[in-house]
Protein backbone atom coordinates (compact mmCIF):
# COMPACT_ATOMS: atom_id res chain seq x y z
CA MET A 1 0.07 -0.30 0.01
CA ALA A 2 3.22 2.15 0.14
CA ASP A 3 2.93 3.14 -3.68
CA GLN A 4 -0.73 4.01 -3.62
CA ARG A 5 -1.31 7.61 -3.97
CA TYR A 6 -4.51 9.52 -2.23
CA THR A 7 -5.83 12.97 -3.83
CA THR A 8 -6.96 15.94 -2.20
CA GLU A 9 -10.52 14.60 -2.89
CA HIS A 10 -9.71 11.47 -0.72
CA LEU A 11 -8.28 13.47 2.10
CA THR A 12 -11.28 15.91 2.14
CA ALA A 13 -13.65 13.01 2.26
CA LEU A 14 -11.56 11.22 4.86
CA HIS A 15 -11.05 14.46 7.40
CA GLY A 16 -14.27 16.39 6.71
CA VAL A 17 -12.27 19.67 5.54
CA SER A 18 -12.27 21.71 2.45
CA PRO A 19 -9.71 21.15 -0.58
CA VAL A 20 -8.60 24.93 0.34
CA THR A 21 -7.44 23.56 3.79
CA ILE A 22 -5.59 20.54 2.33
CA ARG A 23 -3.83 23.03 0.12
CA THR A 24 -2.83 25.24 3.07
CA TRP A 25 -2.00 22.20 5.25
CA SER A 26 0.19 20.79 2.46
CA MET A 27 1.84 24.03 2.19
CA GLU A 28 2.47 24.74 5.67
CA PHE A 29 3.77 21.40 6.58
CA LYS A 30 5.63 20.97 3.32
CA LYS A 31 8.91 19.97 4.85
CA PHE A 32 7.01 16.96 6.33
CA LEU A 33 5.77 15.68 3.24
CA SER A 34 6.64 14.14 -0.10
CA PRO A 35 7.31 16.47 -2.95
CA ASP A 36 4.27 15.08 -4.73
CA ALA A 37 2.00 16.68 -1.69
CA ASN A 38 3.29 20.11 -3.17
CA PRO A 39 3.86 19.32 -6.97
CA GLY A 40 3.49 22.91 -8.05
CA GLN A 41 0.71 24.99 -9.75
CA GLY A 42 -1.44 23.26 -11.83
CA LYS A 43 -0.57 19.77 -10.92
CA GLN A 44 -2.57 17.55 -8.72
CA ARG A 45 -1.37 16.67 -5.00
CA LEU A 46 -0.72 13.30 -4.54
CA PHE A 47 -0.21 11.83 -0.79
CA ASN A 48 1.48 8.62 -0.02
CA GLY A 49 1.05 6.78 3.30
CA ASP A 50 3.78 8.84 5.12
CA ASP A 51 1.94 11.96 4.00
CA MET A 52 -1.36 10.32 5.28
CA ALA A 53 -0.05 10.01 8.72
CA VAL A 54 1.22 13.73 8.56
CA ILE A 55 -1.94 15.04 7.47
CA ASP A 56 -3.93 12.96 9.75
CA LEU A 57 -1.68 14.46 12.80
CA VAL A 58 -2.54 17.59 11.64
CA ALA A 59 -6.31 17.13 11.39
CA GLN A 60 -6.66 15.93 15.00
CA TYR A 61 -4.51 18.69 16.39
CA LYS A 62 -6.39 21.02 14.45
CA GLN A 63 -9.62 19.70 15.78
CA ASP A 64 -8.29 19.64 19.29
CA GLY A 65 -7.70 23.42 18.61
CA LYS A 66 -4.02 23.24 18.38
CA THR A 67 -1.95 26.22 16.52
CA PHE A 68 0.26 25.37 13.61
CA ALA A 69 3.41 26.05 15.98
CA ASP A 70 2.15 23.14 18.19
CA ILE A 71 1.62 20.91 15.07
CA HIS A 72 5.33 21.59 13.99
CA THR A 73 6.65 20.83 17.31
CA ALA A 74 4.66 17.63 17.16
CA LEU A 75 5.82 16.71 13.54
CA ALA A 76 9.64 17.75 14.28
CA ALA A 77 9.45 15.31 17.27
CA GLY A 78 8.54 12.63 14.82
CA GLN A 79 4.74 12.31 16.03
CA ARG A 80 2.53 11.20 13.34
CA GLY A 81 -1.14 10.15 13.05
CA GLY A 82 -2.68 7.00 11.47
CA ARG A 83 -2.77 5.98 8.09
CA PRO A 84 -6.17 5.12 6.33
CA ASP A 85 -7.56 1.68 6.27
CA ILE A 86 -9.09 2.04 3.24
CA THR A 87 -7.37 2.07 -0.42
CA PRO A 88 -7.46 5.01 -2.73
CA HIS A 89 -9.40 3.09 -5.33
CA ASP A 90 -12.08 1.89 -2.69
CA LEU A 91 -12.29 5.25 -1.31
CA SER A 92 -12.87 6.77 -4.90
CA THR A 93 -15.55 3.94 -5.39
CA MET A 94 -17.38 4.99 -2.22
CA LEU A 95 -17.35 8.65 -3.18
CA ASP A 96 -18.60 7.77 -6.58
CA THR A 97 -21.29 5.94 -5.09
CA GLN A 98 -22.20 8.70 -2.66
CA SER A 99 -22.07 11.18 -5.25
CA ASN A 100 -24.33 9.07 -7.76
CA THR A 101 -26.81 8.66 -4.83
CA ALA A 102 -27.10 12.16 -4.03
CA LEU A 103 -27.61 12.96 -7.99
CA VAL A 104 -30.53 10.35 -7.94
CA THR A 105 -32.23 11.94 -4.93
CA GLN A 106 -31.72 15.61 -6.30
CA ASN A 107 -33.28 14.34 -9.61
CA GLU A 108 -36.31 12.73 -7.96
CA GLN A 109 -36.74 16.25 -5.75
CA LEU A 110 -36.71 17.89 -8.78
CA THR A 111 -39.09 15.64 -10.98
CA ARG A 112 -41.40 15.94 -8.06
CA ARG A 113 -41.06 19.77 -8.03
CA ILE A 114 -41.52 19.85 -11.72
CA ALA A 115 -44.78 17.60 -11.56
CA GLN A 116 -45.87 20.16 -8.81
CA LEU A 117 -45.41 23.30 -10.82
CA LEU A 118 -47.27 21.64 -13.65
CA ALA A 119 -50.27 21.31 -11.73
CA GLU A 120 -50.19 24.51 -10.43
CA ASN A 121 -49.60 25.98 -13.95
CA GLU A 122 -52.78 23.91 -14.97
CA SER A 123 -54.73 25.26 -12.12
CA LEU A 124 -53.46 28.78 -13.01
CA LYS A 125 -54.56 28.32 -16.60
CA ALA A 126 -58.14 27.04 -15.61
CA LEU A 127 -58.40 30.33 -13.52
CA GLU A 128 -57.34 32.69 -15.92
CA ARG A 129 -59.53 31.11 -18.56
CA GLU A 130 -62.55 31.45 -15.86
CA ASN A 131 -61.64 34.90 -15.65
CA ALA A 132 -61.47 35.79 -19.03
CA ALA A 133 -65.10 34.27 -19.61
CA LEU A 134 -66.32 36.44 -16.84
CA LYS A 135 -65.09 39.43 -18.40
CA ARG A 136 -66.76 38.31 -21.93
CA GLU A 137 -69.86 38.10 -19.93
CA ILE A 138 -69.64 41.29 -18.27
CA GLU A 139 -68.97 43.19 -21.58
CA ILE A 140 -72.06 41.50 -22.92
CA LEU A 141 -74.16 42.48 -19.82
CA ARG A 142 -72.90 46.05 -19.97
CA GLU A 143 -74.29 45.99 -23.56
CA GLN A 144 -77.40 44.84 -22.41
CA GLY A 145 -77.63 46.99 -19.12
CA GLY A 146 -77.67 44.22 -16.26
CA VAL A 147 -75.80 46.33 -13.29
CA ASP A 148 -76.41 43.98 -10.73
CA GLU A 149 -75.12 41.08 -12.56
CA ILE A 150 -72.20 43.24 -13.61
CA ARG A 151 -71.10 43.90 -9.77
CA ARG A 152 -71.73 40.13 -9.26
CA LEU A 153 -69.38 39.31 -11.63
CA GLU A 154 -66.89 41.94 -11.03
CA ARG A 155 -66.63 40.57 -7.27
CA MET A 156 -66.07 37.26 -8.94
CA ILE A 157 -63.32 38.62 -10.98
CA GLY A 158 -61.42 40.31 -8.44
CA ARG A 159 -61.62 36.99 -6.40
CA LEU A 160 -59.98 34.99 -9.27
CA GLU A 161 -57.70 37.69 -9.81
CA TYR A 162 -56.60 37.36 -6.12
CA GLU A 163 -56.03 33.78 -6.32
CA ILE A 164 -54.01 33.99 -9.27
CA GLU A 165 -51.87 36.59 -7.80
CA GLN A 166 -51.64 34.33 -4.84
CA LEU A 167 -50.59 30.92 -6.96
CA LYS A 168 -48.11 33.43 -8.64
CA GLN A 169 -46.35 34.70 -5.46
CA GLY A 170 -46.51 31.29 -4.25
CA ASN A 171 -44.38 29.92 -7.37
CA ASP A 172 -41.96 32.79 -7.01
CA GLN A 173 -41.41 32.22 -3.37
CA LYS A 174 -40.72 28.39 -4.02
CA LYS A 175 -37.97 29.14 -6.65
C-alpha cells in the first residue's frame, strides 16, 4: 500500500475539510511531506502513506484546537497520526457511489417539483380562462344594461385575480 496515492478529494472526504484546507496544510507542513504533496501550480497533489500520517496528525491537532506551531513541534518530534484503512481505489468507489446517490435523490426531488409546478400551472390556466369568460360576460351585460349582474361578476373576477396573484406569488417564493 506504500505506492498508493491519495488525492485531495480523498483527504477532504477522510477528514471532513475543504480542498483549500488541504492545500493550506500541505503548504504549511511541506517539509514533512513528500514532493508530490506540493507538486507546483496546476499539478494534482498526491499523498503517500507517510503523507497521510502527517495530514492525519494535523487534522487531529486542528480538531483539538492546536496551533500550527504546536503541530510543527509535534511533527519535528516524530509524531504522526494514523494511516487510512481504506485504499485510494476503494475510497474513490465509495465517493462515486455517494455522489451518484446524491444525484439520484436530487433528480427525484426536482422531478416531483416539476410535477407540482405543472399542476399549479394548469390550475392557474383554468383560473385565467374562467376570468376571461367572466370578463366577456360583463361586456355582454354592459351592452344589455345588467348592473347587478355586472357587480356580481366583477366581485368574482376580483376573487379570481386575487387567487391568481396568490398562486403566482407562491410559485415565486418556491423558486
